[in-house]
Amino acid sequence: MTVSSSHLPHRCAPYARLPMLVALLLSVFPALAQDWNYRVRPGDTLWDLGARYLKPSVPWEQLQTHNRVVDPYRLPPGTQLRFPVAWLQVQPAPARVLATRGPVQVGDTDQPGLRDVAQGDLLRIGQHLVTGADASVTIAFADDSRLQLRENSRLRLDQLSRYGHTGMVDTRLRLEQGRSSNRVTPAKGPASRYIIDAPTATSSVRGTVFRVSAGGDGRSAATEVIEGKVQVGNRRGQRLVTPGHATRSDSPDTAPGAMETLLPAPVLDRTQLRLDPLPAQLAWSPVAGADHYRAEVVRADQPEILLFAQDTRATALSVPDLPPGELRVLVRAVNAQGVEGLDAERDFLVRDQPPAPLTVRPVNQQTINSARPRFEWSQVGSAETSVLQIAHDAQFLQPVLEQESRGTHLRPARDLPPGAYFWRVASRDGNGHRGRFGQPVALTISDAPVDPALQPPQAAKGQLTLRWQAGQAGQRYRVQLDRRGDFAQPLLDRELDQPEVTLKRPWRGTLHVRVQYIDEDGYLGPFSPAQQVKLPCRTCYGAGGGALLLWLLL
């Protein structure tokens, strides 16, 4: 493992800087003076191996001389051939974008401006990546080493090369701002390198899991090692950091600090932890020395791919939505210097099947004058039952009601107080597996009196007809007429299929009218406020054959 730094003192005279530069280069690139070893296989020949691994300018005869091969036509299988690293072919090895989250852009050194990055894009030497406030990007290098660049970060790709077919890769990066998490494939030869240059120090590894912070905002740069070992250094010194430790670098003019023990992983609170259904609820015990905490959700099979991230000073957090699949939640403590500790981990499954049904009614933004509205949704063929959730917030952090139904409709088991709500539905299959919830639908429950929009009465041929606003499909109506208005002994109390009633012998004087809507499942809504209808004299009904406008008193 090696250390390098590009920060040399400007006050030194050229002749004084030369020995330091030579020493640093030798410490960084000892592999260039080393050999890559190849084990001979049956059928190998020097000219074939030379064509496969050597630069075009290096003839295979030099390989024969270097290895003191007497008979180039007979290479005993199992013997080793030494290839000087400087003779090996070197080709560009673009990095590949595995995943993005939020706004991520890439820029070229020879072109102004930035452009958006998408999954599958190839990144080349000299380009730089920039992530937004709530964004991340995961890239894979030629040896499948992976880097996760976190929010508000900037990374420059200084070197992306591979040594032909040897499996050795030279990856050199410059973290100019922000943070990165790294999972490095073990080296396959002496020329393999994975180097991250931060503003105050350089981290060099050959197979490990670690994090690097560029510092800034009054905080030191830091290298935190989870697995393996990392060599961190600058022109003032170097430090070998072992697992579970970190080193901070305040300046390129001071050596990396002494190793610090990472804060321990928080203990997840099983009593409050809920990973299914979404939104997931996370809770953990406080960690001594923690300034705040960072919670992440990653893919369980590819933990470098970040799906959710949030910093919090609390010891509980809600994760509103996640893609389906095998996922992993990570929670770590962060001290006041910004050094992140060890992770608490928990794997969980977000199911995508059976699919969520389509909501039918109430429709989005609808106001319902009922404390127990009827919810309806479409039928899902693979669903055994459906699960209805109602909450005050669109993230459903604290559902106020959850009920299950074998049909495609359901009425709450209890009254809902007036207010703003959201509702959503999920399907559950015959094995008890519940799929994802559908999109939330906004709903307002109102306790305002139902207005049946009673129309002016129609009088003709000795009859009086009252009409009001039609309800929803399948609803019936109950209409009551009363002389005094208390409806203790109504003159008329009738259930109807249509929103109208005809009186053959109307009374005269003033009547009180109220209407009740009855849902098709028999649920009785509240009566509307009573309205007054002033009737004309009885002789008026037989006088006219058309409509007679009556006086409606509200």
Protein backbone atom coordinates (compact mmCIF):
# COMPACT_ATOMS: atom_id res chain seq x y z
CA MET A 1 0.00 0.00 0.00
CA THR A 2 1.37 3.36 -0.96
CA VAL A 3 0.86 7.03 -0.31
CA SER A 4 1.23 10.00 -2.59
CA SER A 5 0.50 13.71 -2.56
CA SER A 6 0.44 16.33 -5.26
CA HIS A 7 0.96 19.18 -2.77
CA LEU A 8 4.67 20.23 -2.75
CA PRO A 9 5.99 23.30 -0.91
CA HIS A 10 6.38 26.22 -3.28
CA ARG A 11 9.13 27.83 -1.18
CA CYS A 12 11.64 25.04 -1.84
CA ALA A 13 14.29 25.60 -4.46
CA PRO A 14 14.18 23.21 -7.44
CA TYR A 15 17.27 21.30 -6.36
CA ALA A 16 15.87 20.94 -2.84
CA ARG A 17 12.49 19.67 -4.10
CA LEU A 18 14.00 17.01 -6.37
CA PRO A 19 14.96 14.44 -3.69
CA MET A 20 11.54 14.80 -2.06
CA LEU A 21 9.79 14.33 -5.40
CA VAL A 22 11.87 11.26 -6.22
CA ALA A 23 11.17 9.76 -2.80
CA LEU A 24 7.44 10.33 -3.16
CA LEU A 25 7.33 8.85 -6.64
CA LEU A 26 9.20 5.78 -5.49
CA SER A 27 6.77 5.34 -2.61
CA VAL A 28 3.76 5.67 -4.91
CA PHE A 29 4.97 3.65 -7.88
CA PRO A 30 7.19 0.82 -6.63
CA ALA A 31 5.18 -1.50 -8.82
CA LEU A 32 6.73 0.00 -11.94
CA ALA A 33 10.07 -1.56 -10.98
CA GLN A 34 8.42 -4.89 -10.23
CA ASP A 35 7.39 -7.85 -12.31
CA TRP A 36 3.98 -9.27 -12.96
CA ASN A 37 4.10 -13.05 -12.65
CA TYR A 38 2.33 -15.39 -15.08
CA ARG A 39 1.92 -19.12 -14.59
CA VAL A 40 2.50 -21.05 -17.83
CA ARG A 41 -0.41 -23.10 -19.18
CA PRO A 42 -0.30 -25.99 -21.62
CA GLY A 43 0.15 -24.73 -25.19
CA ASP A 44 1.63 -21.34 -24.24
CA THR A 45 4.44 -19.93 -26.39
CA LEU A 46 6.57 -16.85 -25.81
CA TRP A 47 5.42 -15.16 -29.01
CA ASP A 48 1.74 -15.74 -28.15
CA LEU A 49 2.24 -14.41 -24.62
CA GLY A 50 4.21 -11.46 -25.96
CA ALA A 51 1.43 -10.56 -28.40
CA ARG A 52 -1.18 -10.83 -25.64
CA TYR A 53 0.53 -8.89 -22.84
CA LEU A 54 3.50 -6.85 -24.14
CA LYS A 55 3.48 -3.43 -25.73
CA PRO A 56 3.99 -3.51 -29.51
CA SER A 57 7.38 -1.88 -29.01
CA VAL A 58 8.63 -4.74 -26.82
CA PRO A 59 9.61 -7.91 -28.80
CA TRP A 60 9.00 -11.30 -27.28
CA GLU A 61 12.73 -11.99 -27.39
CA GLN A 62 13.19 -9.52 -24.52
CA LEU A 63 10.79 -11.62 -22.50
CA GLN A 64 12.93 -14.68 -23.30
CA THR A 65 16.08 -12.92 -22.14
CA HIS A 66 14.45 -11.50 -19.01
CA ASN A 67 13.29 -14.98 -17.95
CA ARG A 68 16.42 -16.82 -19.20
CA VAL A 69 14.33 -19.20 -21.26
CA VAL A 70 16.62 -21.65 -23.07
CA ASP A 71 14.07 -23.18 -25.43
CA PRO A 72 11.26 -20.76 -26.38
CA TYR A 73 9.39 -23.66 -28.02
CA ARG A 74 9.05 -25.59 -24.78
CA LEU A 75 7.55 -23.81 -21.80
CA PRO A 76 6.90 -26.31 -18.99
CA PRO A 77 3.33 -25.84 -17.67
CA GLY A 78 3.25 -24.51 -14.15
CA THR A 79 6.45 -22.52 -14.35
CA GLN A 80 6.34 -18.74 -13.83
CA LEU A 81 7.27 -16.04 -16.33
CA ARG A 82 8.11 -12.55 -15.10
CA PHE A 83 6.72 -9.58 -17.08
CA PRO A 84 8.21 -6.19 -16.15
CA VAL A 85 5.25 -3.88 -15.52
CA ALA A 86 6.80 -1.19 -17.74
CA TRP A 87 6.61 -3.60 -20.71
CA LEU A 88 2.91 -4.39 -20.31
CA GLN A 89 0.17 -3.06 -22.56
CA VAL A 90 -1.85 -0.20 -21.03
CA GLN A 91 -5.31 0.74 -22.32
CA PRO A 92 -7.94 3.22 -21.20
CA ALA A 93 -10.56 1.60 -18.96
CA PRO A 94 -13.71 3.76 -18.72
CA ALA A 95 -15.78 3.62 -15.56
CA ARG A 96 -19.47 2.74 -15.84
CA VAL A 97 -22.40 4.41 -14.07
CA LEU A 98 -24.30 1.74 -12.13
CA ALA A 99 -26.99 3.92 -10.59
CA THR A 100 -27.97 7.52 -9.95
CA ARG A 101 -30.26 9.15 -7.41
CA GLY A 102 -31.28 12.76 -7.83
CA PRO A 103 -29.43 15.34 -9.95
CA VAL A 104 -26.00 14.07 -11.06
CA GLN A 105 -23.95 15.75 -13.78
CA VAL A 106 -20.65 15.21 -15.55
CA GLY A 107 -18.24 17.71 -17.09
CA ASP A 108 -15.30 17.47 -19.47
CA THR A 109 -12.02 19.33 -19.10
CA ASP A 110 -12.08 20.52 -22.72
CA GLN A 111 -15.78 21.48 -22.90
CA PRO A 112 -17.72 24.07 -20.89
CA GLY A 113 -20.83 23.22 -18.91
CA LEU A 114 -22.25 20.06 -17.39
CA ARG A 115 -24.64 17.42 -18.68
CA ASP A 116 -26.87 14.95 -16.89
CA VAL A 117 -25.61 11.47 -16.07
CA ALA A 118 -27.71 8.35 -16.62
CA GLN A 119 -27.33 4.71 -15.66
CA GLY A 120 -25.06 2.89 -18.11
CA ASP A 121 -23.03 5.96 -19.12
CA LEU A 122 -19.29 5.52 -19.55
CA LEU A 123 -16.93 7.93 -17.80
CA ARG A 124 -13.41 8.65 -19.03
CA ILE A 125 -10.15 10.13 -17.83
CA GLY A 126 -10.33 13.84 -17.10
CA GLN A 127 -14.07 14.03 -16.53
CA HIS A 128 -15.56 15.17 -13.24
CA LEU A 129 -18.81 14.22 -11.50
CA VAL A 130 -21.00 16.63 -9.53
CA THR A 131 -23.90 15.58 -7.29
CA GLY A 132 -26.77 17.73 -6.04
CA ALA A 133 -28.15 18.33 -2.55
CA ASP A 134 -30.07 15.05 -2.34
CA ALA A 135 -28.25 12.95 -4.91
CA SER A 136 -25.71 10.17 -5.31
CA VAL A 137 -24.06 8.19 -8.07
CA THR A 138 -22.41 4.76 -8.01
CA ILE A 139 -19.71 3.93 -10.54
CA ALA A 140 -17.83 0.70 -11.26
CA PHE A 141 -14.24 0.52 -12.49
CA ALA A 142 -12.55 -2.02 -14.76
CA ASP A 143 -11.80 -4.45 -11.89
CA ASP A 144 -15.34 -4.03 -10.47
CA SER A 145 -14.14 -1.80 -7.66
CA ARG A 146 -17.00 0.54 -6.83
CA LEU A 147 -17.35 4.09 -5.59
CA GLN A 148 -20.44 5.79 -4.23
CA LEU A 149 -20.29 9.57 -4.52
CA ARG A 150 -22.64 11.18 -2.04
CA GLU A 151 -24.62 14.42 -2.00
CA ASN A 152 -22.97 17.81 -2.63
CA SER A 153 -19.77 16.17 -3.88
CA ARG A 154 -17.32 16.65 -6.73
CA LEU A 155 -14.99 13.92 -8.02
CA ARG A 156 -12.40 14.08 -10.81
CA LEU A 157 -11.27 10.97 -12.70
CA ASP A 158 -7.51 11.38 -13.03
CA GLN A 159 -6.52 7.89 -14.23
CA LEU A 160 -8.61 4.99 -15.55
CA SER A 161 -6.34 2.35 -17.09
CA ARG A 162 -5.83 -1.38 -17.21
CA TYR A 163 -2.77 -3.47 -18.00
CA GLY A 164 -4.03 -5.45 -20.95
CA HIS A 165 -5.43 -8.83 -19.98
CA THR A 166 -3.54 -9.08 -16.69
CA GLY A 167 -6.45 -8.00 -14.50
CA MET A 168 -4.39 -5.18 -13.01
CA VAL A 169 -6.09 -1.78 -12.99
CA ASP A 170 -4.78 1.70 -12.28
CA THR A 171 -7.52 3.90 -10.80
CA ARG A 172 -6.68 7.37 -9.47
CA LEU A 173 -9.36 9.79 -8.32
CA ARG A 174 -9.49 13.28 -6.87
CA LEU A 175 -12.23 14.02 -4.31
CA GLU A 176 -12.46 17.79 -4.50
CA GLN A 177 -15.59 18.16 -2.38
CA GLY A 178 -17.98 16.03 -0.34
CA ARG A 179 -17.79 12.35 0.54
CA SER A 180 -17.32 8.97 -1.09
CA SER A 181 -17.74 5.37 0.02
CA ASN A 182 -15.50 2.79 -1.62
CA ARG A 183 -15.43 -0.98 -2.00
CA VAL A 184 -12.16 -1.96 -3.68
CA THR A 185 -11.47 -5.30 -5.35
CA PRO A 186 -8.28 -7.00 -4.02
CA ALA A 187 -5.23 -6.34 -6.17
CA LYS A 188 -4.39 -8.88 -8.88
CA GLY A 189 -0.77 -7.86 -9.29
CA PRO A 190 1.93 -5.37 -8.25
CA ALA A 191 0.69 -2.62 -10.58
CA SER A 192 -2.87 -2.58 -9.25
CA ARG A 193 -3.69 0.79 -7.68
CA TYR A 194 -6.73 2.52 -6.22
CA ILE A 195 -5.85 6.01 -5.03
CA ILE A 196 -8.12 8.83 -3.83
CA ASP A 197 -6.50 12.22 -3.55
CA ALA A 198 -8.29 14.60 -1.15
CA PRO A 199 -7.28 18.25 -0.59
CA THR A 200 -5.14 17.45 2.45
CA ALA A 201 -4.05 13.80 2.03
CA THR A 202 -4.12 10.78 -0.23
CA SER A 203 -5.64 7.38 0.52
CA SER A 204 -4.19 4.35 -1.24
CA VAL A 205 -5.54 0.82 -1.04
CA ARG A 206 -5.40 -2.55 -2.76
CA GLY A 207 -8.63 -4.15 -1.57
CA THR A 208 -10.79 -2.77 1.24
CA VAL A 209 -13.98 -0.95 2.27
CA PHE A 210 -13.54 2.63 3.39
CA ARG A 211 -14.97 6.16 3.27
CA VAL A 212 -13.24 9.42 2.40
CA SER A 213 -14.30 12.96 3.23
CA ALA A 214 -12.80 15.98 1.49
CA GLY A 215 -13.47 18.13 4.55
CA GLY A 216 -14.55 21.76 4.32
CA ASP A 217 -16.99 23.92 6.30
CA GLY A 218 -14.56 23.98 9.21
CA ARG A 219 -14.16 20.19 9.31
CA SER A 220 -11.08 18.13 8.64
CA ALA A 221 -10.79 15.67 5.80
CA ALA A 222 -11.14 12.13 7.06
CA THR A 223 -10.54 8.54 6.00
CA GLU A 224 -12.67 5.93 7.77
CA VAL A 225 -11.79 2.25 7.35
CA ILE A 226 -14.44 -0.44 7.67
CA GLU A 227 -12.56 -3.44 6.22
CA GLY A 228 -8.90 -3.96 5.28
CA LYS A 229 -6.23 -1.29 5.65
CA VAL A 230 -5.70 2.12 4.06
CA GLN A 231 -2.46 4.07 3.74
CA VAL A 232 -3.14 7.79 4.20
CA GLY A 233 -0.45 10.39 3.73
CA ASN A 234 0.86 13.68 2.40
CA ARG A 235 4.26 15.31 2.17
CA ARG A 236 4.41 15.65 5.96
CA GLY A 237 3.87 12.00 6.81
CA GLN A 238 1.74 8.94 6.44
CA ARG A 239 -0.54 6.78 8.53
CA LEU A 240 -1.66 3.16 8.11
CA VAL A 241 -5.30 3.02 9.17
CA THR A 242 -6.69 -0.31 10.33
CA PRO A 243 -10.33 -1.53 10.42
CA GLY A 244 -12.64 0.32 12.81
CA HIS A 245 -10.46 3.43 12.84
CA ALA A 246 -10.13 6.79 11.12
CA THR A 247 -7.53 9.48 10.62
CA ARG A 248 -8.23 13.17 10.08
CA SER A 249 -6.14 15.57 8.01
CA ASP A 250 -6.43 19.26 8.82
CA SER A 251 -4.02 20.58 6.21
CA PRO A 252 -1.53 19.42 3.57
CA ASP A 253 1.10 21.06 5.78
CA THR A 254 0.46 18.72 8.72
CA ALA A 255 0.73 14.95 8.79
CA PRO A 256 -2.46 12.87 9.10
CA GLY A 257 -3.61 12.66 12.70
CA ALA A 258 -3.38 9.69 15.01
CA MET A 259 -5.85 6.88 14.53
CA GLU A 260 -9.26 7.41 16.14
CA THR A 261 -11.67 4.63 17.02
CA LEU A 262 -14.89 4.86 15.05
CA LEU A 263 -18.10 5.33 17.02
CA PRO A 264 -19.86 2.00 17.59
CA ALA A 265 -22.88 0.97 15.56
CA PRO A 266 -26.19 2.10 17.06
CA VAL A 267 -28.44 -0.61 18.47
CA LEU A 268 -31.65 -0.80 16.47
CA ASP A 269 -34.79 -0.70 18.62
CA ARG A 270 -36.75 -3.83 17.72
CA THR A 271 -39.89 -2.60 19.47
CA GLN A 272 -40.15 0.47 17.23
CA LEU A 273 -38.49 -0.86 14.08
CA ARG A 274 -40.97 -1.42 11.24
CA LEU A 275 -39.62 -2.12 7.78
CA ASP A 276 -42.86 -3.44 6.31
CA PRO A 277 -45.17 -1.90 5.27
CA LEU A 278 -43.83 1.36 3.93
CA PRO A 279 -43.25 3.95 5.17
CA ALA A 280 -40.49 2.17 7.08
CA GLN A 281 -40.03 3.28 10.67
CA LEU A 282 -36.47 3.28 12.04
CA ALA A 283 -35.46 3.72 15.67
CA TRP A 284 -32.22 3.17 17.53
CA SER A 285 -30.58 3.79 20.87
CA PRO A 286 -28.40 6.91 21.37
CA VAL A 287 -24.65 6.56 20.92
CA ALA A 288 -22.33 8.32 23.34
CA GLY A 289 -20.25 10.93 21.52
CA ALA A 290 -22.65 11.22 18.56
CA ASP A 291 -23.42 14.68 17.20
CA HIS A 292 -25.99 13.31 14.76
CA TYR A 293 -26.81 10.16 12.80
CA ARG A 294 -26.92 9.12 9.17
CA ALA A 295 -29.49 6.62 7.91
CA GLU A 296 -29.21 5.01 4.48
CA VAL A 297 -31.06 2.38 2.50
CA VAL A 298 -29.05 0.45 -0.10
CA ARG A 299 -29.54 -2.61 -2.23
CA ALA A 300 -28.66 -5.72 -0.25
CA ASP A 301 -26.84 -7.33 -3.18
CA GLN A 302 -25.06 -4.11 -4.19
CA PRO A 303 -24.63 -1.98 -1.04
CA GLU A 304 -22.78 0.70 -3.01
CA ILE A 305 -26.08 1.70 -4.67
CA LEU A 306 -27.75 4.28 -2.45
CA LEU A 307 -31.56 4.48 -2.53
CA PHE A 308 -32.23 6.77 0.43
CA ALA A 309 -30.11 8.91 2.75
CA GLN A 310 -30.85 11.37 5.52
CA ASP A 311 -28.98 12.97 8.39
CA THR A 312 -30.84 13.52 11.65
CA ARG A 313 -30.18 14.48 15.26
CA ALA A 314 -33.10 12.34 16.40
CA THR A 315 -32.94 8.62 17.11
CA ALA A 316 -35.94 7.79 14.94
CA LEU A 317 -36.70 8.30 11.27
CA SER A 318 -39.31 7.43 8.67
CA VAL A 319 -38.49 6.28 5.13
CA PRO A 320 -41.50 7.15 2.95
CA ASP A 321 -40.98 5.19 -0.27
CA LEU A 322 -38.51 2.69 -1.69
CA PRO A 323 -38.21 0.57 -4.83
CA PRO A 324 -39.07 -3.12 -4.56
CA GLY A 325 -36.40 -5.72 -3.87
CA GLU A 326 -34.03 -7.03 -1.22
CA LEU A 327 -32.86 -3.92 0.60
CA ARG A 328 -30.61 -3.07 3.54
CA VAL A 329 -30.95 -0.26 6.06
CA LEU A 330 -27.77 1.26 7.53
CA VAL A 331 -27.58 3.57 10.54
CA ARG A 332 -24.36 5.11 11.82
CA ALA A 333 -23.38 7.74 14.37
CA VAL A 334 -21.39 10.83 13.35
CA ASN A 335 -19.24 12.76 15.82
CA ALA A 336 -18.83 16.53 16.04
CA GLN A 337 -15.80 16.42 13.71
CA GLY A 338 -17.87 14.76 11.00
CA VAL A 339 -16.25 11.32 11.31
CA GLU A 340 -18.80 8.60 10.60
CA GLY A 341 -18.87 5.44 12.68
CA LEU A 342 -19.71 1.78 12.17
CA ASP A 343 -23.03 0.72 10.64
CA ALA A 344 -25.99 -0.98 12.21
CA GLU A 345 -27.51 -3.15 9.45
CA ARG A 346 -30.82 -4.84 8.81
CA ASP A 347 -31.95 -6.52 5.59
CA PHE A 348 -35.60 -6.41 4.56
CA LEU A 349 -37.82 -7.08 1.58
CA VAL A 350 -40.04 -4.61 -0.25
CA ARG A 351 -42.56 -6.57 -2.29
CA ASP A 352 -43.97 -5.46 -5.62
CA GLN A 353 -46.58 -8.20 -5.96
CA PRO A 354 -49.50 -8.49 -5.93
CA PRO A 355 -50.05 -5.12 -7.65
CA ALA A 356 -52.03 -2.38 -5.97
CA PRO A 357 -55.64 -1.93 -7.12
CA LEU A 358 -56.81 1.26 -8.83
CA THR A 359 -58.81 3.59 -6.63
CA VAL A 360 -62.36 4.38 -7.79
CA ARG A 361 -63.94 6.66 -5.19
CA PRO A 362 -63.76 9.00 -3.43
CA VAL A 363 -61.83 10.75 -6.16
CA ASN A 364 -58.80 12.94 -5.48
CA GLN A 365 -59.53 16.18 -3.60
CA GLN A 366 -63.18 15.21 -3.07
CA THR A 367 -65.07 16.54 -0.05
CA ILE A 368 -67.37 14.02 1.62
CA ASN A 369 -70.15 15.03 4.03
CA SER A 370 -69.99 11.71 5.83
CA ALA A 371 -68.02 10.52 8.83
CA ARG A 372 -67.86 7.02 7.35
CA PRO A 373 -67.49 7.34 3.58
CA ARG A 374 -67.56 4.32 1.30
CA PHE A 375 -64.19 3.56 -0.33
CA GLU A 376 -64.09 1.63 -3.60
CA TRP A 377 -61.28 0.24 -5.78
CA SER A 378 -60.75 -2.09 -8.72
CA GLN A 379 -60.39 -5.86 -8.60
CA VAL A 380 -56.88 -7.41 -8.75
CA GLY A 381 -56.99 -11.00 -10.02
CA SER A 382 -54.15 -12.30 -7.85
CA ALA A 383 -55.42 -10.61 -4.68
CA GLU A 384 -57.13 -12.55 -1.90
CA THR A 385 -57.92 -9.43 0.11
CA SER A 386 -57.32 -5.67 -0.03
CA VAL A 387 -55.87 -3.44 2.69
CA LEU A 388 -57.18 0.11 3.12
CA GLN A 389 -55.10 2.72 4.94
CA ILE A 390 -56.21 6.22 5.92
CA ALA A 391 -53.84 8.87 7.27
CA HIS A 392 -53.56 12.62 7.74
CA ASP A 393 -50.29 12.79 5.79
CA ALA A 394 -49.42 11.59 2.29
CA GLN A 395 -46.44 9.59 3.67
CA PHE A 396 -48.72 7.58 6.00
CA LEU A 397 -46.26 7.96 8.86
CA GLN A 398 -49.04 7.36 11.40
CA PRO A 399 -52.11 5.77 9.78
CA VAL A 400 -55.31 6.61 11.63
CA LEU A 401 -57.07 3.53 10.28
CA GLU A 402 -56.20 0.26 8.56
CA GLN A 403 -58.85 -2.27 7.51
CA GLU A 404 -58.95 -5.31 5.31
CA SER A 405 -61.67 -6.44 2.93
CA ARG A 406 -62.30 -9.43 0.69
CA GLY A 407 -64.28 -7.26 -1.70
CA THR A 408 -63.62 -4.09 -3.64
CA HIS A 409 -65.23 -1.67 -1.23
CA LEU A 410 -65.13 -0.90 2.46
CA ARG A 411 -66.57 1.54 4.94
CA PRO A 412 -64.51 2.59 7.99
CA ALA A 413 -65.38 0.72 11.15
CA ARG A 414 -65.57 4.01 13.06
CA ASP A 415 -66.36 7.62 12.35
CA LEU A 416 -63.62 9.87 10.99
CA PRO A 417 -63.49 13.35 12.54
CA PRO A 418 -63.71 16.27 10.11
CA GLY A 419 -60.40 17.12 8.47
CA ALA A 420 -58.02 16.42 5.61
CA TYR A 421 -57.05 12.80 4.90
CA PHE A 422 -55.29 10.57 2.41
CA TRP A 423 -56.32 7.03 1.53
CA ARG A 424 -54.61 4.21 -0.35
CA VAL A 425 -55.08 0.50 -0.99
CA ALA A 426 -52.76 -2.52 -1.29
CA SER A 427 -53.42 -6.12 -2.31
CA ARG A 428 -52.67 -9.26 -0.29
CA ASP A 429 -52.30 -12.66 -1.98
CA GLY A 430 -53.36 -16.09 -0.76
CA ASN A 431 -50.02 -16.60 1.02
CA GLY A 432 -50.52 -13.49 3.09
CA HIS A 433 -47.94 -11.44 1.17
CA ARG A 434 -49.00 -7.84 0.83
CA GLY A 435 -47.85 -5.82 -2.16
CA ARG A 436 -47.04 -2.14 -2.39
CA PHE A 437 -49.68 0.47 -1.67
CA GLY A 438 -51.03 2.51 -4.56
CA GLN A 439 -50.75 6.27 -4.85
CA PRO A 440 -52.37 8.25 -2.00
CA VAL A 441 -55.66 9.99 -2.77
CA ALA A 442 -56.54 13.23 -1.00
CA LEU A 443 -59.89 13.42 0.78
CA THR A 444 -61.66 15.93 3.01
CA ILE A 445 -64.23 14.85 5.61
CA SER A 446 -66.67 17.66 6.32
CA ASP A 447 -69.29 17.95 9.04
CA ALA A 448 -71.07 20.69 7.13
CA PRO A 449 -74.77 19.88 6.61
CA VAL A 450 -75.61 18.10 3.38
CA ASP A 451 -77.30 20.43 0.92
CA PRO A 452 -79.72 18.47 -1.27
CA ALA A 453 -80.16 21.53 -3.53
CA LEU A 454 -83.95 21.37 -3.26
CA GLN A 455 -85.49 22.77 -6.45
CA PRO A 456 -88.53 25.05 -6.57
CA PRO A 457 -91.67 22.86 -6.31
CA GLN A 458 -93.61 22.08 -9.46
CA ALA A 459 -97.43 22.35 -9.21
CA ALA A 460 -99.78 21.03 -11.87
CA LYS A 461 -103.12 19.26 -12.15
CA GLY A 462 -103.69 19.09 -8.45
CA GLN A 463 -100.28 17.62 -7.69
CA LEU A 464 -97.08 19.01 -6.16
CA THR A 465 -93.67 17.60 -7.10
CA LEU A 466 -90.47 18.16 -5.08
CA ARG A 467 -87.04 17.41 -6.62
CA TRP A 468 -83.51 17.53 -5.20
CA GLN A 469 -79.94 16.81 -6.26
CA ALA A 470 -79.21 13.23 -7.32
CA GLY A 471 -76.69 11.26 -5.29
CA GLN A 472 -74.09 8.74 -6.42
CA ALA A 473 -74.92 5.67 -8.47
CA GLY A 474 -76.83 3.12 -6.42
CA GLN A 475 -77.96 5.55 -3.73
CA ARG A 476 -81.60 5.76 -2.58
CA TYR A 477 -83.38 8.60 -0.79
CA ARG A 478 -85.55 9.14 2.24
CA VAL A 479 -87.67 12.28 2.25
CA GLN A 480 -89.68 13.62 5.19
CA LEU A 481 -92.27 16.42 5.29
CA ASP A 482 -93.42 17.91 8.56
CA ARG A 483 -95.75 20.73 9.58
CA ARG A 484 -93.96 21.85 12.78
CA GLY A 485 -90.34 21.15 11.80
CA ASP A 486 -89.37 18.76 14.58
CA PHE A 487 -90.21 15.69 12.46
CA ALA A 488 -91.57 13.90 15.51
CA GLN A 489 -94.65 12.86 13.54
CA PRO A 490 -93.91 13.65 9.89
CA LEU A 491 -96.77 14.06 7.46
CA LEU A 492 -94.72 12.10 4.92
CA ASP A 493 -91.85 9.64 5.45
CA ARG A 494 -90.97 7.77 2.27
CA GLU A 495 -87.95 5.96 0.71
CA LEU A 496 -87.48 6.51 -3.02
CA ASP A 497 -85.29 5.28 -5.84
CA GLN A 498 -85.40 8.65 -7.64
CA PRO A 499 -84.58 12.12 -6.24
CA GLU A 500 -88.18 13.38 -6.36
CA VAL A 501 -91.56 12.94 -4.66
CA THR A 502 -95.09 13.79 -5.92
CA LEU A 503 -97.94 14.70 -3.56
CA LYS A 504 -101.48 14.09 -4.86
CA ARG A 505 -103.22 16.10 -2.14
CA PRO A 506 -100.81 18.74 -0.99
CA TRP A 507 -101.46 20.61 2.18
CA ARG A 508 -101.47 24.32 2.22
CA GLY A 509 -99.47 26.63 4.37
CA THR A 510 -95.81 26.01 5.27
CA LEU A 511 -94.10 22.60 5.20
CA HIS A 512 -90.63 21.54 6.38
CA VAL A 513 -88.66 19.22 4.09
CA ARG A 514 -85.47 17.22 4.69
CA VAL A 515 -83.69 14.51 2.66
CA GLN A 516 -81.47 11.61 3.67
CA TYR A 517 -79.14 9.75 1.25
CA ILE A 518 -78.98 5.96 1.65
CA ASP A 519 -75.97 4.12 0.20
CA GLU A 520 -76.43 0.84 -1.65
CA ASP A 521 -74.96 -1.06 1.30
CA GLY A 522 -77.68 0.39 3.55
CA TYR A 523 -75.53 3.01 5.26
CA LEU A 524 -77.69 5.98 6.29
CA GLY A 525 -76.19 9.38 5.82
CA PRO A 526 -77.26 12.33 7.95
CA PHE A 527 -80.46 14.18 7.16
CA SER A 528 -80.06 17.49 5.40
CA PRO A 529 -81.06 20.64 7.26
CA ALA A 530 -84.78 21.21 7.03
CA GLN A 531 -85.96 23.62 4.39
CA GLN A 532 -89.34 25.42 4.34
CA VAL A 533 -91.75 25.29 1.43
CA LYS A 534 -94.73 27.69 1.45
CA LEU A 535 -97.69 26.14 -0.36
CA PRO A 536 -100.35 28.20 -2.17
CA CYS A 537 -104.09 27.79 -1.81
CA ARG A 538 -105.51 24.42 -2.86
CA THR A 539 -107.47 25.89 -5.80
CA CYS A 540 -104.19 27.01 -7.36
CA TYR A 541 -103.22 23.40 -8.14
CA GLY A 542 -106.10 22.78 -10.49
CA ALA A 543 -105.89 26.13 -12.21
CA GLY A 544 -102.71 25.71 -14.10
CA GLY A 545 -101.40 23.02 -16.42
CA GLY A 546 -97.79 24.21 -16.38
CA ALA A 547 -95.17 24.80 -13.74
CA LEU A 548 -95.97 27.16 -10.90
CA LEU A 549 -93.10 28.90 -9.15
CA LEU A 550 -93.45 28.60 -5.39
CA TRP A 551 -91.63 30.49 -2.73
CA LEU A 552 -88.79 28.49 -1.22
CA LEU A 553 -87.65 29.65 2.20
CA LEU A 554 -84.21 28.38 3.27
